[in-house]
Amino acid sequence: MTTASDMALPNSICYEYPLNEKIRILLRLEFLFQQVTQNAAEYSPWDSRLALQGLFDIFGLIGRNEFKGELLKELDRYATSLYRLGQTPGVDTEKLNSILQEIGQAITEIHNLDNATLETVRQNDFLGAVRQRNSIPGGTCPFDVPALHFWLRRSGTVRAHHIMAWLQPFQPLQNAVSLLLRLVRDSALPHWEVAAQGFYQKALDSTAPNQLVQIILPSEASVFPIISGSKHRFSLRFMEQPDPHQRPRQAVEAIHFQLVCCII
């Protein structure tokens, strides 16, 4: 089964734009989980601060009671879509069954999620004190939160252990987010398009489950896309900004790029 990543440009940069609120939240959570795990692996106190910031943002995004139910509904919907796909002649049934097993495992993990442990992390006194001050600009200075200042003076190994222990109860949610986004990204293949004078627009079938748009450019490209849209249509303008001290301007030449419209 060929995936979008198999056909993407080598040495490329991919810009993604969500076409609905569910995908927007999943992309933000993916980013935050990466922020926590990457910075926990670094031993600078400043890296640990960034890891804590990511952890607090995860609390905020998944703090809603309905988030677990929304993930389960999406997993069920994707499983139904893939099962129907399995009735199509020529489909790689071995690969499809493997993905369906992954979805089943993710559903089981979420059903078994220990809500009490999640709440224990959220109610942790140390994290609560830092999180409260974190909403104030500069509010986590050493004189504001001595407990944080003390913790940051501990070894990087100890801090990393603490951070990953706080993150561990959220692992089933992280796994489900990663799986859903992988399925979305692999649901379509890239094809070449041209943006005349740096502008491109495309209408979408509003009855289809449009999820995500990907714009793929060579890494050395001198432009970046500004994307806007919804489930009905999207448009993009390729912008040039050689100097960040100057305002970006729309490209005047034709821009060749790879487009992926993810629908599942």
C-alpha atoms as a PDB file:
ATOM      1  CA  MET A   1       0.000   0.000   0.000  1.00  0.00           C
ATOM      2  CA  THR A   2       1.643   3.236  -1.165  1.00  0.00           C
ATOM      3  CA  THR A   3       1.456   6.138   1.287  1.00  0.00           C
ATOM      4  CA  ALA A   4       1.745   9.879   0.835  1.00  0.00           C
ATOM      5  CA  SER A   5       5.168   9.920   2.473  1.00  0.00           C
ATOM      6  CA  ASP A   6       6.434   7.400  -0.095  1.00  0.00           C
ATOM      7  CA  MET A   7       5.655   9.797  -2.975  1.00  0.00           C
ATOM      8  CA  ALA A   8       6.537  13.109  -1.331  1.00  0.00           C
ATOM      9  CA  LEU A   9       9.467  15.126  -2.585  1.00  0.00           C
ATOM     10  CA  PRO A  10      12.816  14.154  -1.060  1.00  0.00           C
ATOM     11  CA  ASN A  11      14.362  16.932   1.046  1.00  0.00           C
ATOM     12  CA  SER A  12      11.035  18.697   1.250  1.00  0.00           C
ATOM     13  CA  ILE A  13       9.063  20.767   3.733  1.00  0.00           C
ATOM     14  CA  CYS A  14       5.378  20.037   4.332  1.00  0.00           C
ATOM     15  CA  TYR A  15       2.828  22.660   5.388  1.00  0.00           C
ATOM     16  CA  GLU A  16      -0.423  21.298   6.817  1.00  0.00           C
ATOM     17  CA  TYR A  17      -3.801  22.958   7.233  1.00  0.00           C
ATOM     18  CA  PRO A  18      -6.730  21.337   9.110  1.00  0.00           C
ATOM     19  CA  LEU A  19     -10.150  21.502   7.471  1.00  0.00           C
ATOM     20  CA  ASN A  20     -12.155  20.865  10.645  1.00  0.00           C
ATOM     21  CA  GLU A  21     -11.895  21.422  14.386  1.00  0.00           C
ATOM     22  CA  LYS A  22     -11.205  17.773  15.251  1.00  0.00           C
ATOM     23  CA  ILE A  23      -8.087  17.638  13.094  1.00  0.00           C
ATOM     24  CA  ARG A  24      -7.002  21.035  14.404  1.00  0.00           C
ATOM     25  CA  ILE A  25      -7.022  19.668  17.970  1.00  0.00           C
ATOM     26  CA  LEU A  26      -5.237  16.463  16.951  1.00  0.00           C
ATOM     27  CA  LEU A  27      -2.465  18.433  15.231  1.00  0.00           C
ATOM     28  CA  ARG A  28      -2.024  20.648  18.276  1.00  0.00           C
ATOM     29  CA  LEU A  29      -1.845  17.641  20.574  1.00  0.00           C
ATOM     30  CA  GLU A  30       0.689  15.934  18.315  1.00  0.00           C
ATOM     31  CA  PHE A  31       2.811  19.085  18.442  1.00  0.00           C
ATOM     32  CA  LEU A  32       2.525  19.313  22.244  1.00  0.00           C
ATOM     33  CA  PHE A  33       3.352  15.645  22.859  1.00  0.00           C
ATOM     34  CA  GLN A  34       6.448  16.121  20.680  1.00  0.00           C
ATOM     35  CA  GLN A  35       7.338  19.288  22.590  1.00  0.00           C
ATOM     36  CA  VAL A  36       7.213  17.447  25.911  1.00  0.00           C
ATOM     37  CA  THR A  37       9.099  14.330  24.838  1.00  0.00           C
ATOM     38  CA  GLN A  38      11.790  16.180  22.860  1.00  0.00           C
ATOM     39  CA  ASN A  39      12.505  18.704  25.603  1.00  0.00           C
ATOM     40  CA  ALA A  40      12.385  16.088  28.356  1.00  0.00           C
ATOM     41  CA  ALA A  41      15.239  14.330  26.555  1.00  0.00           C
ATOM     42  CA  GLU A  42      17.380  17.479  26.860  1.00  0.00           C
ATOM     43  CA  TYR A  43      18.929  18.332  30.197  1.00  0.00           C
ATOM     44  CA  SER A  44      18.980  22.120  30.217  1.00  0.00           C
ATOM     45  CA  PRO A  45      16.642  23.765  32.778  1.00  0.00           C
ATOM     46  CA  TRP A  46      15.235  25.793  29.897  1.00  0.00           C
ATOM     47  CA  ASP A  47      14.345  22.575  28.059  1.00  0.00           C
ATOM     48  CA  SER A  48      12.549  21.352  31.184  1.00  0.00           C
ATOM     49  CA  ARG A  49      10.589  24.605  31.307  1.00  0.00           C
ATOM     50  CA  LEU A  50       9.440  24.056  27.711  1.00  0.00           C
ATOM     51  CA  ALA A  51       8.473  20.476  28.535  1.00  0.00           C
ATOM     52  CA  LEU A  52       6.335  21.685  31.453  1.00  0.00           C
ATOM     53  CA  GLN A  53       4.717  24.320  29.227  1.00  0.00           C
ATOM     54  CA  GLY A  54       3.772  21.605  26.745  1.00  0.00           C
ATOM     55  CA  LEU A  55       2.393  19.438  29.543  1.00  0.00           C
ATOM     56  CA  PHE A  56       0.197  22.284  30.818  1.00  0.00           C
ATOM     57  CA  ASP A  57      -1.112  22.922  27.308  1.00  0.00           C
ATOM     58  CA  ILE A  58      -1.976  19.216  26.980  1.00  0.00           C
ATOM     59  CA  PHE A  59      -3.934  19.476  30.240  1.00  0.00           C
ATOM     60  CA  GLY A  60      -5.867  22.366  28.755  1.00  0.00           C
ATOM     61  CA  LEU A  61      -6.693  20.627  25.483  1.00  0.00           C
ATOM     62  CA  ILE A  62      -7.789  17.280  26.864  1.00  0.00           C
ATOM     63  CA  GLY A  63      -9.301  18.580  30.059  1.00  0.00           C
ATOM     64  CA  ARG A  64     -12.757  18.443  28.536  1.00  0.00           C
ATOM     65  CA  ASN A  65     -14.709  15.369  29.617  1.00  0.00           C
ATOM     66  CA  GLU A  66     -15.891  14.647  26.075  1.00  0.00           C
ATOM     67  CA  PHE A  67     -12.396  14.383  24.556  1.00  0.00           C
ATOM     68  CA  LYS A  68     -12.054  10.659  25.324  1.00  0.00           C
ATOM     69  CA  GLY A  69     -15.461  10.015  23.740  1.00  0.00           C
ATOM     70  CA  GLU A  70     -14.548  12.060  20.660  1.00  0.00           C
ATOM     71  CA  LEU A  71     -11.392  10.002  20.132  1.00  0.00           C
ATOM     72  CA  LEU A  72     -13.369   6.768  20.412  1.00  0.00           C
ATOM     73  CA  LYS A  73     -15.940   7.991  17.881  1.00  0.00           C
ATOM     74  CA  GLU A  74     -13.221   8.927  15.410  1.00  0.00           C
ATOM     75  CA  LEU A  75     -11.484   5.577  15.810  1.00  0.00           C
ATOM     76  CA  ASP A  76     -14.794   3.763  15.270  1.00  0.00           C
ATOM     77  CA  ARG A  77     -15.542   5.870  12.191  1.00  0.00           C
ATOM     78  CA  TYR A  78     -12.125   5.196  10.671  1.00  0.00           C
ATOM     79  CA  ALA A  79     -12.470   1.465  11.371  1.00  0.00           C
ATOM     80  CA  THR A  80     -15.843   1.446   9.584  1.00  0.00           C
ATOM     81  CA  SER A  81     -14.391   3.293   6.575  1.00  0.00           C
ATOM     82  CA  LEU A  82     -11.453   0.920   6.335  1.00  0.00           C
ATOM     83  CA  TYR A  83     -13.674  -2.133   6.701  1.00  0.00           C
ATOM     84  CA  ARG A  84     -15.715  -0.917   3.724  1.00  0.00           C
ATOM     85  CA  LEU A  85     -12.490  -0.344   1.826  1.00  0.00           C
ATOM     86  CA  GLY A  86     -11.647  -3.981   2.476  1.00  0.00           C
ATOM     87  CA  GLN A  87     -14.558  -5.020   0.265  1.00  0.00           C
ATOM     88  CA  THR A  88     -12.866  -3.365  -2.738  1.00  0.00           C
ATOM     89  CA  PRO A  89     -11.049  -5.746  -5.100  1.00  0.00           C
ATOM     90  CA  GLY A  90      -7.271  -5.399  -5.152  1.00  0.00           C
ATOM     91  CA  VAL A  91      -6.923  -3.968  -1.634  1.00  0.00           C
ATOM     92  CA  ASP A  92      -3.961  -5.195   0.396  1.00  0.00           C
ATOM     93  CA  THR A  93      -5.994  -7.094   2.993  1.00  0.00           C
ATOM     94  CA  GLU A  94      -2.948  -8.000   5.085  1.00  0.00           C
ATOM     95  CA  LYS A  95      -2.008  -4.332   5.486  1.00  0.00           C
ATOM     96  CA  LEU A  96      -5.632  -3.382   6.064  1.00  0.00           C
ATOM     97  CA  ASN A  97      -6.111  -6.011   8.776  1.00  0.00           C
ATOM     98  CA  SER A  98      -2.938  -4.823  10.478  1.00  0.00           C
ATOM     99  CA  ILE A  99      -4.301  -1.259  10.612  1.00  0.00           C
ATOM    100  CA  LEU A 100      -7.669  -2.476  11.908  1.00  0.00           C
ATOM    101  CA  GLN A 101      -5.826  -4.329  14.675  1.00  0.00           C
ATOM    102  CA  GLU A 102      -4.015  -1.113  15.586  1.00  0.00           C
ATOM    103  CA  ILE A 103      -7.328   0.722  15.782  1.00  0.00           C
ATOM    104  CA  GLY A 104      -8.786  -2.037  17.950  1.00  0.00           C
ATOM    105  CA  GLN A 105      -5.787  -1.849  20.281  1.00  0.00           C
ATOM    106  CA  ALA A 106      -6.093   1.947  20.545  1.00  0.00           C
ATOM    107  CA  ILE A 107      -9.804   1.648  21.380  1.00  0.00           C
ATOM    108  CA  THR A 108      -9.054  -0.925  24.099  1.00  0.00           C
ATOM    109  CA  GLU A 109      -6.327   1.285  25.611  1.00  0.00           C
ATOM    110  CA  ILE A 110      -8.634   4.282  25.794  1.00  0.00           C
ATOM    111  CA  HIS A 111     -11.435   2.221  27.365  1.00  0.00           C
ATOM    112  CA  ASN A 112      -8.916   1.055  29.976  1.00  0.00           C
ATOM    113  CA  LEU A 113      -7.599   4.570  30.591  1.00  0.00           C
ATOM    114  CA  ASP A 114      -7.139   5.217  34.304  1.00  0.00           C
ATOM    115  CA  ASN A 115      -8.995   8.487  34.832  1.00  0.00           C
ATOM    116  CA  ALA A 116      -7.998   8.546  38.504  1.00  0.00           C
ATOM    117  CA  THR A 117      -4.302   8.558  37.560  1.00  0.00           C
ATOM    118  CA  LEU A 118      -4.888  11.344  35.024  1.00  0.00           C
ATOM    119  CA  GLU A 119      -6.620  13.391  37.700  1.00  0.00           C
ATOM    120  CA  THR A 120      -3.773  12.755  40.146  1.00  0.00           C
ATOM    121  CA  VAL A 121      -1.332  14.281  37.662  1.00  0.00           C
ATOM    122  CA  ARG A 122      -3.612  17.258  37.014  1.00  0.00           C
ATOM    123  CA  GLN A 123      -4.000  17.859  40.756  1.00  0.00           C
ATOM    124  CA  ASN A 124      -0.292  17.510  41.556  1.00  0.00           C
ATOM    125  CA  ASP A 125       0.534  20.363  43.955  1.00  0.00           C
ATOM    126  CA  PHE A 126       3.881  21.178  42.343  1.00  0.00           C
ATOM    127  CA  LEU A 127       2.474  21.229  38.810  1.00  0.00           C
ATOM    128  CA  GLY A 128      -0.561  23.206  39.961  1.00  0.00           C
ATOM    129  CA  ALA A 129       1.580  25.913  41.541  1.00  0.00           C
ATOM    130  CA  VAL A 130       3.786  26.251  38.450  1.00  0.00           C
ATOM    131  CA  ARG A 131       0.815  26.170  36.080  1.00  0.00           C
ATOM    132  CA  GLN A 132      -0.968  28.918  37.988  1.00  0.00           C
ATOM    133  CA  ARG A 133       2.035  31.239  37.796  1.00  0.00           C
ATOM    134  CA  ASN A 134       2.786  30.204  34.202  1.00  0.00           C
ATOM    135  CA  SER A 135      -0.211  32.163  32.901  1.00  0.00           C
ATOM    136  CA  ILE A 136       1.429  35.399  34.122  1.00  0.00           C
ATOM    137  CA  PRO A 137       4.129  36.917  31.861  1.00  0.00           C
ATOM    138  CA  GLY A 138       7.406  36.137  33.599  1.00  0.00           C
ATOM    139  CA  GLY A 139       5.426  34.594  36.437  1.00  0.00           C
ATOM    140  CA  THR A 140       7.756  31.617  36.921  1.00  0.00           C
ATOM    141  CA  CYS A 141      10.833  33.622  37.852  1.00  0.00           C
ATOM    142  CA  PRO A 142      12.852  32.034  40.681  1.00  0.00           C
ATOM    143  CA  PHE A 143      11.427  34.444  43.269  1.00  0.00           C
ATOM    144  CA  ASP A 144       7.842  33.623  42.140  1.00  0.00           C
ATOM    145  CA  VAL A 145       8.031  29.827  42.434  1.00  0.00           C
ATOM    146  CA  PRO A 146      10.927  28.730  44.663  1.00  0.00           C
ATOM    147  CA  ALA A 147       9.816  25.095  44.323  1.00  0.00           C
ATOM    148  CA  LEU A 148      10.326  25.294  40.561  1.00  0.00           C
ATOM    149  CA  HIS A 149      13.709  26.971  41.015  1.00  0.00           C
ATOM    150  CA  PHE A 150      14.701  24.125  43.350  1.00  0.00           C
ATOM    151  CA  TRP A 151      13.440  21.447  40.945  1.00  0.00           C
ATOM    152  CA  LEU A 152      15.270  22.972  37.985  1.00  0.00           C
ATOM    153  CA  ARG A 153      18.534  22.753  39.950  1.00  0.00           C
ATOM    154  CA  ARG A 154      18.184  18.968  40.142  1.00  0.00           C
ATOM    155  CA  SER A 155      19.970  16.765  37.613  1.00  0.00           C
ATOM    156  CA  GLY A 156      18.634  16.539  34.086  1.00  0.00           C
ATOM    157  CA  THR A 157      18.134  12.804  34.515  1.00  0.00           C
ATOM    158  CA  VAL A 158      15.864  13.320  37.534  1.00  0.00           C
ATOM    159  CA  ARG A 159      13.860  16.048  35.799  1.00  0.00           C
ATOM    160  CA  ALA A 160      13.422  13.918  32.668  1.00  0.00           C
ATOM    161  CA  HIS A 161      12.223  11.012  34.805  1.00  0.00           C
ATOM    162  CA  HIS A 162       9.652  13.240  36.520  1.00  0.00           C
ATOM    163  CA  ILE A 163       8.380  14.709  33.257  1.00  0.00           C
ATOM    164  CA  MET A 164       7.939  11.348  31.566  1.00  0.00           C
ATOM    165  CA  ALA A 165       6.219   9.968  34.667  1.00  0.00           C
ATOM    166  CA  TRP A 166       3.706  12.843  34.501  1.00  0.00           C
ATOM    167  CA  LEU A 167       3.205  12.212  30.780  1.00  0.00           C
ATOM    168  CA  GLN A 168       2.933   8.415  30.971  1.00  0.00           C
ATOM    169  CA  PRO A 169      -0.778   8.221  31.985  1.00  0.00           C
ATOM    170  CA  PHE A 170      -1.619  10.140  28.803  1.00  0.00           C
ATOM    171  CA  GLN A 171       0.158   7.560  26.598  1.00  0.00           C
ATOM    172  CA  PRO A 172      -3.060   5.902  25.319  1.00  0.00           C
ATOM    173  CA  LEU A 173      -4.307   9.304  24.158  1.00  0.00           C
ATOM    174  CA  GLN A 174      -0.970  10.084  22.525  1.00  0.00           C
ATOM    175  CA  ASN A 175      -1.026   6.721  20.724  1.00  0.00           C
ATOM    176  CA  ALA A 176      -4.568   7.343  19.457  1.00  0.00           C
ATOM    177  CA  VAL A 177      -3.701  10.846  18.245  1.00  0.00           C
ATOM    178  CA  SER A 178      -0.637   9.523  16.414  1.00  0.00           C
ATOM    179  CA  LEU A 179      -2.619   6.698  14.813  1.00  0.00           C
ATOM    180  CA  LEU A 180      -5.493   8.904  13.655  1.00  0.00           C
ATOM    181  CA  LEU A 181      -3.162  11.455  12.072  1.00  0.00           C
ATOM    182  CA  ARG A 182      -1.165   8.712  10.356  1.00  0.00           C
ATOM    183  CA  LEU A 183      -4.360   7.322   8.848  1.00  0.00           C
ATOM    184  CA  VAL A 184      -5.389  10.787   7.684  1.00  0.00           C
ATOM    185  CA  ARG A 185      -2.010  11.549   6.120  1.00  0.00           C
ATOM    186  CA  ASP A 186      -1.877   8.187   4.357  1.00  0.00           C
ATOM    187  CA  SER A 187      -5.407   8.510   2.957  1.00  0.00           C
ATOM    188  CA  ALA A 188      -4.276  10.336  -0.214  1.00  0.00           C
ATOM    189  CA  LEU A 189      -1.267  10.650  -2.486  1.00  0.00           C
ATOM    190  CA  PRO A 190       0.497  13.863  -3.543  1.00  0.00           C
ATOM    191  CA  HIS A 191       0.139  15.272  -7.042  1.00  0.00           C
ATOM    192  CA  TRP A 192       1.679  18.276  -8.745  1.00  0.00           C
ATOM    193  CA  GLU A 193      -0.163  21.575  -9.040  1.00  0.00           C
ATOM    194  CA  VAL A 194       0.755  25.074 -10.191  1.00  0.00           C
ATOM    195  CA  ALA A 195      -0.122  28.321  -8.430  1.00  0.00           C
ATOM    196  CA  ALA A 196      -0.292  31.024 -11.121  1.00  0.00           C
ATOM    197  CA  GLN A 197       1.262  34.244  -9.808  1.00  0.00           C
ATOM    198  CA  GLY A 198       1.533  32.594  -6.405  1.00  0.00           C
ATOM    199  CA  PHE A 199      -2.206  31.947  -5.970  1.00  0.00           C
ATOM    200  CA  TYR A 200      -4.164  28.676  -5.957  1.00  0.00           C
ATOM    201  CA  GLN A 201      -7.768  27.794  -5.101  1.00  0.00           C
ATOM    202  CA  LYS A 202      -9.619  24.491  -5.065  1.00  0.00           C
ATOM    203  CA  ALA A 203     -13.259  23.574  -4.417  1.00  0.00           C
ATOM    204  CA  LEU A 204     -13.950  20.517  -2.271  1.00  0.00           C
ATOM    205  CA  ASP A 205     -16.868  18.121  -2.086  1.00  0.00           C
ATOM    206  CA  SER A 206     -18.546  19.327   1.117  1.00  0.00           C
ATOM    207  CA  THR A 207     -20.296  15.954   1.535  1.00  0.00           C
ATOM    208  CA  ALA A 208     -16.931  14.166   1.795  1.00  0.00           C
ATOM    209  CA  PRO A 209     -15.024  13.878   5.106  1.00  0.00           C
ATOM    210  CA  ASN A 210     -12.323  16.408   4.201  1.00  0.00           C
ATOM    211  CA  GLN A 211      -9.690  16.362   6.922  1.00  0.00           C
ATOM    212  CA  LEU A 212      -6.403  17.941   5.976  1.00  0.00           C
ATOM    213  CA  VAL A 213      -4.523  19.738   3.213  1.00  0.00           C
ATOM    214  CA  GLN A 214      -0.786  19.302   2.743  1.00  0.00           C
ATOM    215  CA  ILE A 215       1.402  21.599   0.654  1.00  0.00           C
ATOM    216  CA  ILE A 216       4.822  20.118  -0.110  1.00  0.00           C
ATOM    217  CA  LEU A 217       7.705  22.258  -1.350  1.00  0.00           C
ATOM    218  CA  PRO A 218      11.416  21.617  -1.854  1.00  0.00           C
ATOM    219  CA  SER A 219      13.402  22.515   1.250  1.00  0.00           C
ATOM    220  CA  GLU A 220      15.295  25.164  -0.712  1.00  0.00           C
ATOM    221  CA  ALA A 221      12.098  26.895  -1.901  1.00  0.00           C
ATOM    222  CA  SER A 222      12.112  30.662  -1.353  1.00  0.00           C
ATOM    223  CA  VAL A 223       8.366  30.830  -0.643  1.00  0.00           C
ATOM    224  CA  PHE A 224       5.909  29.603   1.991  1.00  0.00           C
ATOM    225  CA  PRO A 225       2.113  29.184   1.724  1.00  0.00           C
ATOM    226  CA  ILE A 226      -0.568  31.034   3.655  1.00  0.00           C
ATOM    227  CA  ILE A 227      -3.566  28.692   3.635  1.00  0.00           C
ATOM    228  CA  SER A 228      -7.196  29.378   4.437  1.00  0.00           C
ATOM    229  CA  GLY A 229     -10.247  27.245   3.910  1.00  0.00           C
ATOM    230  CA  SER A 230     -12.998  24.971   5.162  1.00  0.00           C
ATOM    231  CA  LYS A 231     -14.665  21.727   4.118  1.00  0.00           C
ATOM    232  CA  HIS A 232     -16.080  23.545   1.046  1.00  0.00           C
ATOM    233  CA  ARG A 233     -12.895  24.998  -0.452  1.00  0.00           C
ATOM    234  CA  PHE A 234      -9.433  26.238   0.325  1.00  0.00           C
ATOM    235  CA  SER A 235      -7.049  28.762  -1.134  1.00  0.00           C
ATOM    236  CA  LEU A 236      -3.394  29.517  -0.697  1.00  0.00           C
ATOM    237  CA  ARG A 237      -1.019  32.316  -1.468  1.00  0.00           C
ATOM    238  CA  PHE A 238       2.682  31.694  -1.762  1.00  0.00           C
ATOM    239  CA  MET A 239       4.607  34.415   0.028  1.00  0.00           C
ATOM    240  CA  GLU A 240       8.194  35.626  -0.150  1.00  0.00           C
ATOM    241  CA  GLN A 241       9.939  37.042   2.904  1.00  0.00           C
ATOM    242  CA  PRO A 242      13.720  37.019   2.459  1.00  0.00           C
ATOM    243  CA  ASP A 243      14.093  39.400   5.393  1.00  0.00           C
ATOM    244  CA  PRO A 244      11.918  38.898   8.528  1.00  0.00           C
ATOM    245  CA  HIS A 245      12.218  42.641   9.210  1.00  0.00           C
ATOM    246  CA  GLN A 246      10.101  43.267   6.106  1.00  0.00           C
ATOM    247  CA  ARG A 247       6.497  42.328   5.427  1.00  0.00           C
ATOM    248  CA  PRO A 248       5.960  39.196   3.270  1.00  0.00           C
ATOM    249  CA  ARG A 249       4.776  39.745  -0.297  1.00  0.00           C
ATOM    250  CA  GLN A 250       2.950  37.407  -2.650  1.00  0.00           C
ATOM    251  CA  ALA A 251       5.081  35.699  -5.277  1.00  0.00           C
ATOM    252  CA  VAL A 252       4.520  36.884  -8.828  1.00  0.00           C
ATOM    253  CA  GLU A 253       5.882  33.819 -10.613  1.00  0.00           C
ATOM    254  CA  ALA A 254       4.205  30.431 -11.034  1.00  0.00           C
ATOM    255  CA  ILE A 255       4.898  28.118  -8.106  1.00  0.00           C
ATOM    256  CA  HIS A 256       5.029  24.356  -8.664  1.00  0.00           C
ATOM    257  CA  PHE A 257       4.145  22.346  -5.566  1.00  0.00           C
ATOM    258  CA  GLN A 258       2.776  18.993  -4.455  1.00  0.00           C
ATOM    259  CA  LEU A 259      -0.760  18.928  -3.056  1.00  0.00           C
ATOM    260  CA  VAL A 260      -2.341  16.286  -0.832  1.00  0.00           C
ATOM    261  CA  CYS A 261      -6.060  16.485   0.039  1.00  0.00           C
ATOM    262  CA  CYS A 262      -6.621  13.990   2.848  1.00  0.00           C
ATOM    263  CA  ILE A 263     -10.162  12.567   2.922  1.00  0.00           C
ATOM    264  CA  ILE A 264     -11.183   9.646   5.125  1.00  0.00           C
END
